[in-house]
PDB file of N, CA and C in Angstrom:
ATOM      1  N   MET A   1      -1.355   5.745 -15.109  1.00  0.00           N
ATOM      2  CA  MET A   1      -3.207   5.248 -14.345  1.00  0.00           C
ATOM      3  C   MET A   1      -3.729   6.177 -13.536  1.00  0.00           C
ATOM      4  N   SER A   2      -4.882   6.239 -14.052  1.00  0.00           N
ATOM      5  CA  SER A   2      -5.787   7.211 -12.893  1.00  0.00           C
ATOM      6  C   SER A   2      -5.813   6.204 -11.515  1.00  0.00           C
ATOM      7  N   LEU A   3      -6.772   7.095 -10.930  1.00  0.00           N
ATOM      8  CA  LEU A   3      -6.556   6.749  -9.691  1.00  0.00           C
ATOM      9  C   LEU A   3      -7.271   5.091  -9.189  1.00  0.00           C
ATOM     10  N   GLU A   4      -7.955   5.662 -10.273  1.00  0.00           N
ATOM     11  CA  GLU A   4      -9.635   4.789  -9.699  1.00  0.00           C
ATOM     12  C   GLU A   4      -8.842   3.065 -10.465  1.00  0.00           C
ATOM     13  N   GLU A   5      -7.883   3.523 -11.683  1.00  0.00           N
ATOM     14  CA  GLU A   5      -7.369   2.046 -11.608  1.00  0.00           C
ATOM     15  C   GLU A   5      -6.311   1.755 -11.032  1.00  0.00           C
ATOM     16  N   ILE A   6      -5.189   2.346  -9.972  1.00  0.00           N
ATOM     17  CA  ILE A   6      -4.635   2.392  -9.641  1.00  0.00           C
ATOM     18  C   ILE A   6      -5.268   1.702  -8.203  1.00  0.00           C
ATOM     19  N   THR A   7      -6.573   2.159  -7.620  1.00  0.00           N
ATOM     20  CA  THR A   7      -7.062   1.540  -6.583  1.00  0.00           C
ATOM     21  C   THR A   7      -7.834  -0.076  -6.980  1.00  0.00           C
ATOM     22  N   GLN A   8      -7.999   0.107  -7.803  1.00  0.00           N
ATOM     23  CA  GLN A   8      -8.938  -1.241  -8.341  1.00  0.00           C
ATOM     24  C   GLN A   8      -8.081  -2.603  -8.515  1.00  0.00           C
ATOM     25  N   GLN A   9      -6.352  -1.992  -9.164  1.00  0.00           N
ATOM     26  CA  GLN A   9      -5.356  -3.150  -9.023  1.00  0.00           C
ATOM     27  C   GLN A   9      -5.179  -3.787  -7.647  1.00  0.00           C
ATOM     28  N   LEU A  10      -5.122  -2.268  -6.946  1.00  0.00           N
ATOM     29  CA  LEU A  10      -4.686  -2.711  -5.207  1.00  0.00           C
ATOM     30  C   LEU A  10      -5.867  -3.528  -4.656  1.00  0.00           C
ATOM     31  N   TRP A  11      -6.884  -3.186  -4.937  1.00  0.00           N
ATOM     32  CA  TRP A  11      -8.431  -4.064  -4.261  1.00  0.00           C
ATOM     33  C   TRP A  11      -7.639  -5.441  -4.541  1.00  0.00           C
ATOM     34  N   GLU A  12      -7.990  -5.567  -5.928  1.00  0.00           N
ATOM     35  CA  GLU A  12      -7.369  -6.862  -6.709  1.00  0.00           C
ATOM     36  C   GLU A  12      -6.111  -7.440  -5.909  1.00  0.00           C
ATOM     37  N   ALA A  13      -5.100  -7.241  -5.582  1.00  0.00           N
ATOM     38  CA  ALA A  13      -3.643  -7.559  -5.311  1.00  0.00           C
ATOM     39  C   ALA A  13      -4.557  -7.738  -3.669  1.00  0.00           C
ATOM     40  N   SER A  14      -5.065  -6.715  -3.189  1.00  0.00           N
ATOM     41  CA  SER A  14      -5.648  -7.547  -1.715  1.00  0.00           C
ATOM     42  C   SER A  14      -6.556  -8.928  -1.733  1.00  0.00           C
ATOM     43  N   GLU A  15      -7.640  -8.323  -2.548  1.00  0.00           N
ATOM     44  CA  GLU A  15      -8.335  -9.975  -2.390  1.00  0.00           C
ATOM     45  C   GLU A  15      -7.658 -10.929  -2.146  1.00  0.00           C
ATOM     46  N   ASN A  16      -6.677 -10.699  -3.303  1.00  0.00           N
ATOM     47  CA  ASN A  16      -6.104 -12.317  -3.328  1.00  0.00           C
ATOM     48  C   ASN A  16      -4.681 -12.475  -2.629  1.00  0.00           C
ATOM     49  N   LYS A  17      -4.272 -11.157  -2.220  1.00  0.00           N
ATOM     50  CA  LYS A  17      -3.050 -11.598  -0.936  1.00  0.00           C
ATOM     51  C   LYS A  17      -1.992 -11.559  -1.942  1.00  0.00           C
ATOM     52  N   LYS A  18      -1.733 -10.984  -2.665  1.00  0.00           N
ATOM     53  CA  LYS A  18      -0.395 -10.994  -3.505  1.00  0.00           C
ATOM     54  C   LYS A  18       0.494  -9.564  -3.336  1.00  0.00           C
ATOM     55  N   GLY A  19       1.219  -9.762  -3.344  1.00  0.00           N
ATOM     56  CA  GLY A  19       2.069  -8.865  -3.193  1.00  0.00           C
ATOM     57  C   GLY A  19       2.593  -8.124  -4.524  1.00  0.00           C
ATOM     58  N   CYS A  20       3.021  -6.803  -4.603  1.00  0.00           N
ATOM     59  CA  CYS A  20       2.811  -5.824  -5.710  1.00  0.00           C
ATOM     60  C   CYS A  20       4.285  -5.082  -5.458  1.00  0.00           C
ATOM     61  N   ARG A  21       4.559  -4.646  -6.033  1.00  0.00           N
ATOM     62  CA  ARG A  21       5.842  -3.678  -7.236  1.00  0.00           C
ATOM     63  C   ARG A  21       5.287  -2.241  -7.355  1.00  0.00           C
ATOM     64  N   ILE A  22       5.477  -1.546  -6.612  1.00  0.00           N
ATOM     65  CA  ILE A  22       5.039  -0.675  -7.143  1.00  0.00           C
ATOM     66  C   ILE A  22       5.907   0.926  -7.261  1.00  0.00           C
ATOM     67  N   SER A  23       5.937   1.756  -7.771  1.00  0.00           N
ATOM     68  CA  SER A  23       6.572   3.198  -8.073  1.00  0.00           C
ATOM     69  C   SER A  23       6.101   4.110  -7.567  1.00  0.00           C
ATOM     70  N   LEU A  24       6.961   5.178  -6.772  1.00  0.00           N
ATOM     71  CA  LEU A  24       6.744   6.240  -6.415  1.00  0.00           C
ATOM     72  C   LEU A  24       7.266   7.571  -7.176  1.00  0.00           C
ATOM     73  N   ASP A  25       6.273   8.198  -7.702  1.00  0.00           N
ATOM     74  CA  ASP A  25       7.191   9.760  -8.682  1.00  0.00           C
ATOM     75  C   ASP A  25       8.535   9.991  -6.781  1.00  0.00           C
ATOM     76  N   GLY A  26       9.082  10.444  -7.811  1.00  0.00           N
ATOM     77  CA  GLY A  26      10.289  11.030  -7.269  1.00  0.00           C
ATOM     78  C   GLY A  26      11.243   9.961  -7.184  1.00  0.00           C
ATOM     79  N   GLU A  27      11.124   8.474  -6.757  1.00  0.00           N
ATOM     80  CA  GLU A  27      11.221   8.016  -6.465  1.00  0.00           C
ATOM     81  C   GLU A  27      12.824   6.817  -6.957  1.00  0.00           C
ATOM     82  N   PRO A  28      13.700   6.849  -6.808  1.00  0.00           N
ATOM     83  CA  PRO A  28      14.349   6.302  -7.815  1.00  0.00           C
ATOM     84  C   PRO A  28      14.454   4.383  -7.718  1.00  0.00           C
ATOM     85  N   LEU A  29      14.062   3.740  -7.380  1.00  0.00           N
ATOM     86  CA  LEU A  29      13.464   2.609  -6.840  1.00  0.00           C
ATOM     87  C   LEU A  29      11.994   1.992  -6.876  1.00  0.00           C
ATOM     88  N   PRO A  30      11.560   1.080  -6.839  1.00  0.00           N
ATOM     89  CA  PRO A  30      10.532   0.529  -6.359  1.00  0.00           C
ATOM     90  C   PRO A  30      10.568   0.016  -5.207  1.00  0.00           C
ATOM     91  N   ARG A  31       9.135  -0.075  -4.997  1.00  0.00           N
ATOM     92  CA  ARG A  31       9.105  -0.628  -3.491  1.00  0.00           C
ATOM     93  C   ARG A  31       8.410  -2.183  -3.705  1.00  0.00           C
ATOM     94  N   LEU A  32       8.820  -3.207  -2.569  1.00  0.00           N
ATOM     95  CA  LEU A  32       7.829  -4.853  -2.426  1.00  0.00           C
ATOM     96  C   LEU A  32       6.795  -4.138  -1.613  1.00  0.00           C
ATOM     97  N   VAL A  33       5.726  -4.438  -1.803  1.00  0.00           N
ATOM     98  CA  VAL A  33       4.502  -4.391  -0.744  1.00  0.00           C
ATOM     99  C   VAL A  33       3.031  -5.192  -0.954  1.00  0.00           C
ATOM    100  N   CYS A  34       2.594  -5.364   0.530  1.00  0.00           N
ATOM    101  CA  CYS A  34       1.853  -6.332   0.786  1.00  0.00           C
ATOM    102  C   CYS A  34       0.507  -5.161   0.928  1.00  0.00           C
ATOM    103  N   PRO A  35      -0.202  -5.181  -0.011  1.00  0.00           N
ATOM    104  CA  PRO A  35      -2.123  -4.043  -0.140  1.00  0.00           C
ATOM    105  C   PRO A  35      -2.416  -4.390   1.198  1.00  0.00           C
ATOM    106  N   TYR A  36      -2.669  -3.600   1.633  1.00  0.00           N
ATOM    107  CA  TYR A  36      -3.935  -3.604   3.265  1.00  0.00           C
ATOM    108  C   TYR A  36      -4.722  -3.153   3.467  1.00  0.00           C
ATOM    109  N   GLY A  37      -5.011  -1.784   2.067  1.00  0.00           N
ATOM    110  CA  GLY A  37      -6.160  -1.683   1.814  1.00  0.00           C
ATOM    111  C   GLY A  37      -5.739   0.112   1.466  1.00  0.00           C
ATOM    112  N   VAL A  38      -7.157   1.085   1.085  1.00  0.00           N
ATOM    113  CA  VAL A  38      -7.035   2.011   1.048  1.00  0.00           C
ATOM    114  C   VAL A  38      -7.896   3.334   1.836  1.00  0.00           C
ATOM    115  N   CYS A  39      -7.255   4.419   2.435  1.00  0.00           N
ATOM    116  CA  CYS A  39      -8.151   4.822   2.960  1.00  0.00           C
ATOM    117  C   CYS A  39      -7.207   6.541   2.964  1.00  0.00           C
ATOM    118  N   THR A  40      -8.360   7.197   3.866  1.00  0.00           N
ATOM    119  CA  THR A  40      -8.105   8.529   4.357  1.00  0.00           C
ATOM    120  C   THR A  40      -7.721   8.756   5.513  1.00  0.00           C
ATOM    121  N   THR A  41      -6.762   9.581   6.039  1.00  0.00           N
ATOM    122  CA  THR A  41      -5.806   9.462   7.486  1.00  0.00           C
ATOM    123  C   THR A  41      -6.336  10.752   7.762  1.00  0.00           C
ATOM    124  N   SER A  42      -6.461  10.381   9.147  1.00  0.00           N
ATOM    125  CA  SER A  42      -6.763  12.048   9.323  1.00  0.00           C
ATOM    126  C   SER A  42      -6.296  12.963   9.311  1.00  0.00           C
ATOM    127  N   ARG A  43      -5.491  13.079   8.480  1.00  0.00           N
ATOM    128  CA  ARG A  43      -4.451  14.513   8.032  1.00  0.00           C
ATOM    129  C   ARG A  43      -5.517  14.694   6.311  1.00  0.00           C
ATOM    130  N   ASN A  44      -6.375  14.197   5.895  1.00  0.00           N
ATOM    131  CA  ASN A  44      -7.426  14.039   5.157  1.00  0.00           C
ATOM    132  C   ASN A  44      -5.845  13.629   3.572  1.00  0.00           C
ATOM    133  N   GLN A  45      -5.233  12.517   3.752  1.00  0.00           N
ATOM    134  CA  GLN A  45      -4.698  12.585   2.916  1.00  0.00           C
ATOM    135  C   GLN A  45      -5.122  10.858   2.692  1.00  0.00           C
ATOM    136  N   ILE A  46      -5.368  10.809   1.068  1.00  0.00           N
ATOM    137  CA  ILE A  46      -5.809   9.405   0.700  1.00  0.00           C
ATOM    138  C   ILE A  46      -4.652   8.406   0.382  1.00  0.00           C
ATOM    139  N   VAL A  47      -4.207   7.199   0.965  1.00  0.00           N
ATOM    140  CA  VAL A  47      -3.221   6.964   1.239  1.00  0.00           C
ATOM    141  C   VAL A  47      -3.117   5.371   0.506  1.00  0.00           C
ATOM    142  N   LEU A  48      -2.164   4.358   0.320  1.00  0.00           N
ATOM    143  CA  LEU A  48      -1.860   2.492   0.293  1.00  0.00           C
ATOM    144  C   LEU A  48      -1.762   3.050   1.796  1.00  0.00           C
ATOM    145  N   VAL A  49      -2.315   1.894   2.493  1.00  0.00           N
ATOM    146  CA  VAL A  49      -1.507   0.957   3.803  1.00  0.00           C
ATOM    147  C   VAL A  49      -1.083   0.031   2.756  1.00  0.00           C
ATOM    148  N   CYS A  50       0.142  -0.462   3.793  1.00  0.00           N
ATOM    149  CA  CYS A  50       0.997  -1.048   3.283  1.00  0.00           C
ATOM    150  C   CYS A  50       1.692  -2.158   4.339  1.00  0.00           C
ATOM    151  N   TRP A  51       1.929  -3.215   4.058  1.00  0.00           N
ATOM    152  CA  TRP A  51       3.812  -3.676   4.605  1.00  0.00           C
ATOM    153  C   TRP A  51       4.552  -4.344   3.692  1.00  0.00           C
ATOM    154  N   GLN A  52       5.495  -2.905   3.872  1.00  0.00           N
ATOM    155  CA  GLN A  52       6.631  -2.818   2.777  1.00  0.00           C
ATOM    156  C   GLN A  52       7.472  -3.787   3.293  1.00  0.00           C
ATOM    157  N   THR A  53       8.196  -5.062   1.927  1.00  0.00           N
ATOM    158  CA  THR A  53       8.522  -5.675   2.578  1.00  0.00           C
ATOM    159  C   THR A  53      10.740  -5.633   1.938  1.00  0.00           C
ATOM    160  N   GLY A  54      10.265  -4.774   1.110  1.00  0.00           N
ATOM    161  CA  GLY A  54      11.769  -4.514   0.275  1.00  0.00           C
ATOM    162  C   GLY A  54      11.716  -2.942  -0.545  1.00  0.00           C
ATOM    163  N   GLY A  55      12.812  -2.852  -1.330  1.00  0.00           N
ATOM    164  CA  GLY A  55      12.971  -1.629  -2.215  1.00  0.00           C
ATOM    165  C   GLY A  55      12.665  -0.225  -1.573  1.00  0.00           C
ATOM    166  N   PHE A  56      12.620   0.844  -2.170  1.00  0.00           N
ATOM    167  CA  PHE A  56      13.225   2.285  -1.974  1.00  0.00           C
ATOM    168  C   PHE A  56      11.948   2.500  -0.466  1.00  0.00           C
ATOM    169  N   THR A  57      12.924   3.096   0.776  1.00  0.00           N
ATOM    170  CA  THR A  57      12.381   3.800   1.624  1.00  0.00           C
ATOM    171  C   THR A  57      13.416   3.990   2.534  1.00  0.00           C
ATOM    172  N   LYS A  58      13.316   5.156   3.116  1.00  0.00           N
ATOM    173  CA  LYS A  58      13.360   5.872   3.813  1.00  0.00           C
ATOM    174  C   LYS A  58      13.943   5.800   5.268  1.00  0.00           C
ATOM    175  N   ALA A  59      13.171   4.628   6.185  1.00  0.00           N
ATOM    176  CA  ALA A  59      13.241   4.504   7.329  1.00  0.00           C
ATOM    177  C   ALA A  59      14.724   3.090   7.652  1.00  0.00           C
ATOM    178  N   GLY A  60      15.505   3.306   7.080  1.00  0.00           N
ATOM    179  CA  GLY A  60      16.695   2.207   6.743  1.00  0.00           C
ATOM    180  C   GLY A  60      16.655   1.363   6.630  1.00  0.00           C
ATOM    181  N   GLY A  61      16.149   0.930   6.104  1.00  0.00           N
ATOM    182  CA  GLY A  61      15.410  -0.168   4.983  1.00  0.00           C
ATOM    183  C   GLY A  61      14.714  -1.437   6.082  1.00  0.00           C
ATOM    184  N   LYS A  62      14.457  -1.161   6.770  1.00  0.00           N
ATOM    185  CA  LYS A  62      13.584  -1.885   7.720  1.00  0.00           C
ATOM    186  C   LYS A  62      11.929  -2.438   6.773  1.00  0.00           C
ATOM    187  N   GLU A  63      11.352  -3.676   7.313  1.00  0.00           N
ATOM    188  CA  GLU A  63      10.310  -4.014   6.443  1.00  0.00           C
ATOM    189  C   GLU A  63       9.190  -2.706   7.492  1.00  0.00           C
ATOM    190  N   GLY A  64       8.399  -2.369   6.980  1.00  0.00           N
ATOM    191  CA  GLY A  64       7.122  -2.495   8.473  1.00  0.00           C
ATOM    192  C   GLY A  64       6.201  -1.899   7.507  1.00  0.00           C
ATOM    193  N   TYR A  65       5.470  -1.233   8.322  1.00  0.00           N
ATOM    194  CA  TYR A  65       4.056  -0.246   8.095  1.00  0.00           C
ATOM    195  C   TYR A  65       4.611   0.742   7.093  1.00  0.00           C
ATOM    196  N   ARG A  66       3.705   0.679   6.168  1.00  0.00           N
ATOM    197  CA  ARG A  66       3.996   2.275   5.321  1.00  0.00           C
ATOM    198  C   ARG A  66       2.434   2.854   4.889  1.00  0.00           C
ATOM    199  N   ASN A  67       2.035   3.953   4.602  1.00  0.00           N
ATOM    200  CA  ASN A  67       1.386   4.569   4.313  1.00  0.00           C
ATOM    201  C   ASN A  67       1.354   5.714   3.184  1.00  0.00           C
ATOM    202  N   LEU A  68       1.642   5.223   1.780  1.00  0.00           N
ATOM    203  CA  LEU A  68       1.947   5.781   0.849  1.00  0.00           C
ATOM    204  C   LEU A  68       1.253   6.618   0.149  1.00  0.00           C
ATOM    205  N   GLN A  69       0.973   8.113  -0.420  1.00  0.00           N
ATOM    206  CA  GLN A  69       0.008   8.634  -0.635  1.00  0.00           C
ATOM    207  C   GLN A  69      -0.049   8.143  -1.778  1.00  0.00           C
ATOM    208  N   LEU A  70      -1.545   7.669  -2.432  1.00  0.00           N
ATOM    209  CA  LEU A  70      -2.032   6.678  -3.607  1.00  0.00           C
ATOM    210  C   LEU A  70      -1.909   7.837  -4.982  1.00  0.00           C
ATOM    211  N   ASP A  71      -1.516   9.208  -4.948  1.00  0.00           N
ATOM    212  CA  ASP A  71      -1.339   9.864  -5.908  1.00  0.00           C
ATOM    213  C   ASP A  71       0.059  10.205  -6.363  1.00  0.00           C
ATOM    214  N   ARG A  72       0.712   9.763  -5.530  1.00  0.00           N
ATOM    215  CA  ARG A  72       2.051   9.554  -5.457  1.00  0.00           C
ATOM    216  C   ARG A  72       2.550   8.427  -6.615  1.00  0.00           C
ATOM    217  N   ILE A  73       2.085   7.047  -6.419  1.00  0.00           N
ATOM    218  CA  ILE A  73       1.691   6.068  -7.308  1.00  0.00           C
ATOM    219  C   ILE A  73       2.013   6.204  -9.101  1.00  0.00           C
ATOM    220  N   ILE A  74       3.028   6.000  -9.953  1.00  0.00           N
ATOM    221  CA  ILE A  74       3.248   6.000 -10.746  1.00  0.00           C
ATOM    222  C   ILE A  74       3.307   4.430 -11.556  1.00  0.00           C
ATOM    223  N   SER A  75       3.563   3.823 -10.758  1.00  0.00           N
ATOM    224  CA  SER A  75       3.333   2.549 -11.877  1.00  0.00           C
ATOM    225  C   SER A  75       2.708   1.892 -10.461  1.00  0.00           C
ATOM    226  N   ILE A  76       2.641   0.209 -10.881  1.00  0.00           N
ATOM    227  CA  ILE A  76       1.797  -0.678  -9.972  1.00  0.00           C
ATOM    228  C   ILE A  76       1.639  -2.369 -11.091  1.00  0.00           C
ATOM    229  N   GLU A  77       2.912  -3.353 -10.433  1.00  0.00           N
ATOM    230  CA  GLU A  77       2.581  -4.369 -10.829  1.00  0.00           C
ATOM    231  C   GLU A  77       2.347  -5.852  -9.752  1.00  0.00           C
ATOM    232  N   THR A  78       1.075  -6.526  -9.955  1.00  0.00           N
ATOM    233  CA  THR A  78       0.843  -7.164  -9.161  1.00  0.00           C
ATOM    234  C   THR A  78       2.282  -8.288  -9.453  1.00  0.00           C
ATOM    235  N   LEU A  79       2.479  -8.892  -8.124  1.00  0.00           N
ATOM    236  CA  LEU A  79       3.211 -10.077  -8.717  1.00  0.00           C
ATOM    237  C   LEU A  79       2.786 -11.623  -7.788  1.00  0.00           C
ATOM    238  N   ASP A  80       3.879 -12.749  -8.258  1.00  0.00           N
ATOM    239  CA  ASP A  80       2.948 -13.851  -8.192  1.00  0.00           C
ATOM    240  C   ASP A  80       3.373 -14.533  -6.412  1.00  0.00           C
ATOM    241  N   TRP A  81       3.458 -13.802  -5.715  1.00  0.00           N
ATOM    242  CA  TRP A  81       3.993 -14.012  -4.107  1.00  0.00           C
ATOM    243  C   TRP A  81       2.195 -14.019  -3.351  1.00  0.00           C
ATOM    244  N   HIS A  82       2.265 -14.726  -2.509  1.00  0.00           N
ATOM    245  CA  HIS A  82       1.153 -14.694  -1.531  1.00  0.00           C
ATOM    246  C   HIS A  82       1.590 -13.890  -0.309  1.00  0.00           C
ATOM    247  N   PHE A  83       0.801 -13.492   0.393  1.00  0.00           N
ATOM    248  CA  PHE A  83       1.055 -12.947   1.861  1.00  0.00           C
ATOM    249  C   PHE A  83      -0.061 -13.534   2.717  1.00  0.00           C
ATOM    250  N   GLN A  84       0.363 -13.342   3.910  1.00  0.00           N
ATOM    251  CA  GLN A  84      -0.312 -13.755   5.486  1.00  0.00           C
ATOM    252  C   GLN A  84      -0.986 -12.424   5.719  1.00  0.00           C
ATOM    253  N   LYS A  85      -2.164 -11.855   6.354  1.00  0.00           N
ATOM    254  CA  LYS A  85      -2.283 -10.888   6.687  1.00  0.00           C
ATOM    255  C   LYS A  85      -1.669 -10.924   8.248  1.00  0.00           C
ATOM    256  N   ARG A  86      -1.344 -10.205   8.504  1.00  0.00           N
ATOM    257  CA  ARG A  86      -0.443  -9.785  10.108  1.00  0.00           C
ATOM    258  C   ARG A  86      -1.559  -9.525  11.238  1.00  0.00           C
ATOM    259  N   THR A  87      -0.977 -10.359  12.322  1.00  0.00           N
ATOM    260  CA  THR A  87      -1.794 -10.297  12.679  1.00  0.00           C
ATOM    261  C   THR A  87      -2.032  -8.726  14.119  1.00  0.00           C
ATOM    262  N   ASP A  88      -1.021  -7.485  13.919  1.00  0.00           N
ATOM    263  CA  ASP A  88      -0.307  -7.044  14.419  1.00  0.00           C
ATOM    264  C   ASP A  88      -1.651  -5.260  13.792  1.00  0.00           C
ATOM    265  N   PHE A  89      -2.289  -5.842  12.594  1.00  0.00           N
ATOM    266  CA  PHE A  89      -2.707  -5.060  11.329  1.00  0.00           C
ATOM    267  C   PHE A  89      -4.538  -4.171  12.513  1.00  0.00           C
ATOM    268  N   ASN A  90      -4.565  -3.229  12.191  1.00  0.00           N
ATOM    269  CA  ASN A  90      -5.280  -2.812  13.673  1.00  0.00           C
ATOM    270  C   ASN A  90      -6.043  -1.389  11.943  1.00  0.00           C
ATOM    271  N   SER A  91      -7.167  -2.078  11.517  1.00  0.00           N
ATOM    272  CA  SER A  91      -8.082  -1.450  11.101  1.00  0.00           C
ATOM    273  C   SER A  91      -8.779   0.125  11.331  1.00  0.00           C
ATOM    274  N   THR A  92      -9.344  -0.318  13.086  1.00  0.00           N
ATOM    275  CA  THR A  92      -9.946   0.735  13.500  1.00  0.00           C
ATOM    276  C   THR A  92      -8.518   1.767  14.038  1.00  0.00           C
ATOM    277  N   ASP A  93      -7.304   1.967  14.027  1.00  0.00           N
ATOM    278  CA  ASP A  93      -6.127   2.737  14.244  1.00  0.00           C
ATOM    279  C   ASP A  93      -6.660   4.179  14.338  1.00  0.00           C
ATOM    280  N   GLY A  94      -6.315   5.027  15.003  1.00  0.00           N
ATOM    281  CA  GLY A  94      -6.998   6.518  14.669  1.00  0.00           C
ATOM    282  C   GLY A  94      -6.490   7.204  13.500  1.00  0.00           C
ATOM    283  N   GLN A  95      -4.962   7.097  12.924  1.00  0.00           N
ATOM    284  CA  GLN A  95      -4.463   7.608  12.255  1.00  0.00           C
ATOM    285  C   GLN A  95      -5.426   7.448  10.883  1.00  0.00           C
ATOM    286  N   TYR A  96      -6.640   6.149  10.729  1.00  0.00           N
ATOM    287  CA  TYR A  96      -7.114   5.953   9.828  1.00  0.00           C
ATOM    288  C   TYR A  96      -8.339   6.496   9.600  1.00  0.00           C
ATOM    289  N   LYS A  97      -9.140   7.231   9.169  1.00  0.00           N
ATOM    290  CA  LYS A  97     -10.348   8.135   9.368  1.00  0.00           C
ATOM    291  C   LYS A  97     -11.309   7.016   8.520  1.00  0.00           C
ATOM    292  N   ASP A  98     -11.738   7.111   6.788  1.00  0.00           N
ATOM    293  CA  ASP A  98     -12.747   6.618   6.296  1.00  0.00           C
ATOM    294  C   ASP A  98     -11.946   5.686   5.307  1.00  0.00           C
ATOM    295  N   TRP A  99     -12.194   4.203   5.376  1.00  0.00           N
ATOM    296  CA  TRP A  99     -11.581   3.137   4.466  1.00  0.00           C
ATOM    297  C   TRP A  99     -12.460   3.652   3.200  1.00  0.00           C
ATOM    298  N   VAL A 100     -11.720   3.225   2.344  1.00  0.00           N
ATOM    299  CA  VAL A 100     -12.150   2.660   0.930  1.00  0.00           C
ATOM    300  C   VAL A 100     -12.448   1.242   0.424  1.00  0.00           C
ATOM    301  N   TYR A 101     -11.587   0.119   1.014  1.00  0.00           N
ATOM    302  CA  TYR A 101     -11.487  -0.651   1.635  1.00  0.00           C
ATOM    303  C   TYR A 101     -10.345  -1.490   2.215  1.00  0.00           C
ATOM    304  N   HIS A 102     -10.091  -2.448   3.212  1.00  0.00           N
ATOM    305  CA  HIS A 102      -9.292  -2.908   4.314  1.00  0.00           C
ATOM    306  C   HIS A 102      -9.199  -4.584   3.639  1.00  0.00           C
ATOM    307  N   ILE A 103      -8.718  -5.308   4.217  1.00  0.00           N
ATOM    308  CA  ILE A 103      -8.653  -7.025   4.171  1.00  0.00           C
ATOM    309  C   ILE A 103      -8.884  -7.633   5.896  1.00  0.00           C
TER     310      ILE A 103
END
């Protein structure tokens, strides 16, 4: 998949507030995420900003916000479950520089 196709699929999932199963290059298991947006970070990386509910993580298995490098996503599947936008999501946080889109 191209970055454009991945971004388009993430945007559609975000617009419909649907969860996704994504696989990242080099990780043994997929991640279950609620996609919040795609942006450039203050370190000039293009990332998927998401709330991760399950799957592979280095953060001790806890749910939480993740910034996942877009160019490491090798597969994405939109799932049938819906999510609510968290009230603590802050699109103006200093770590986010330029948004492609966000919910």
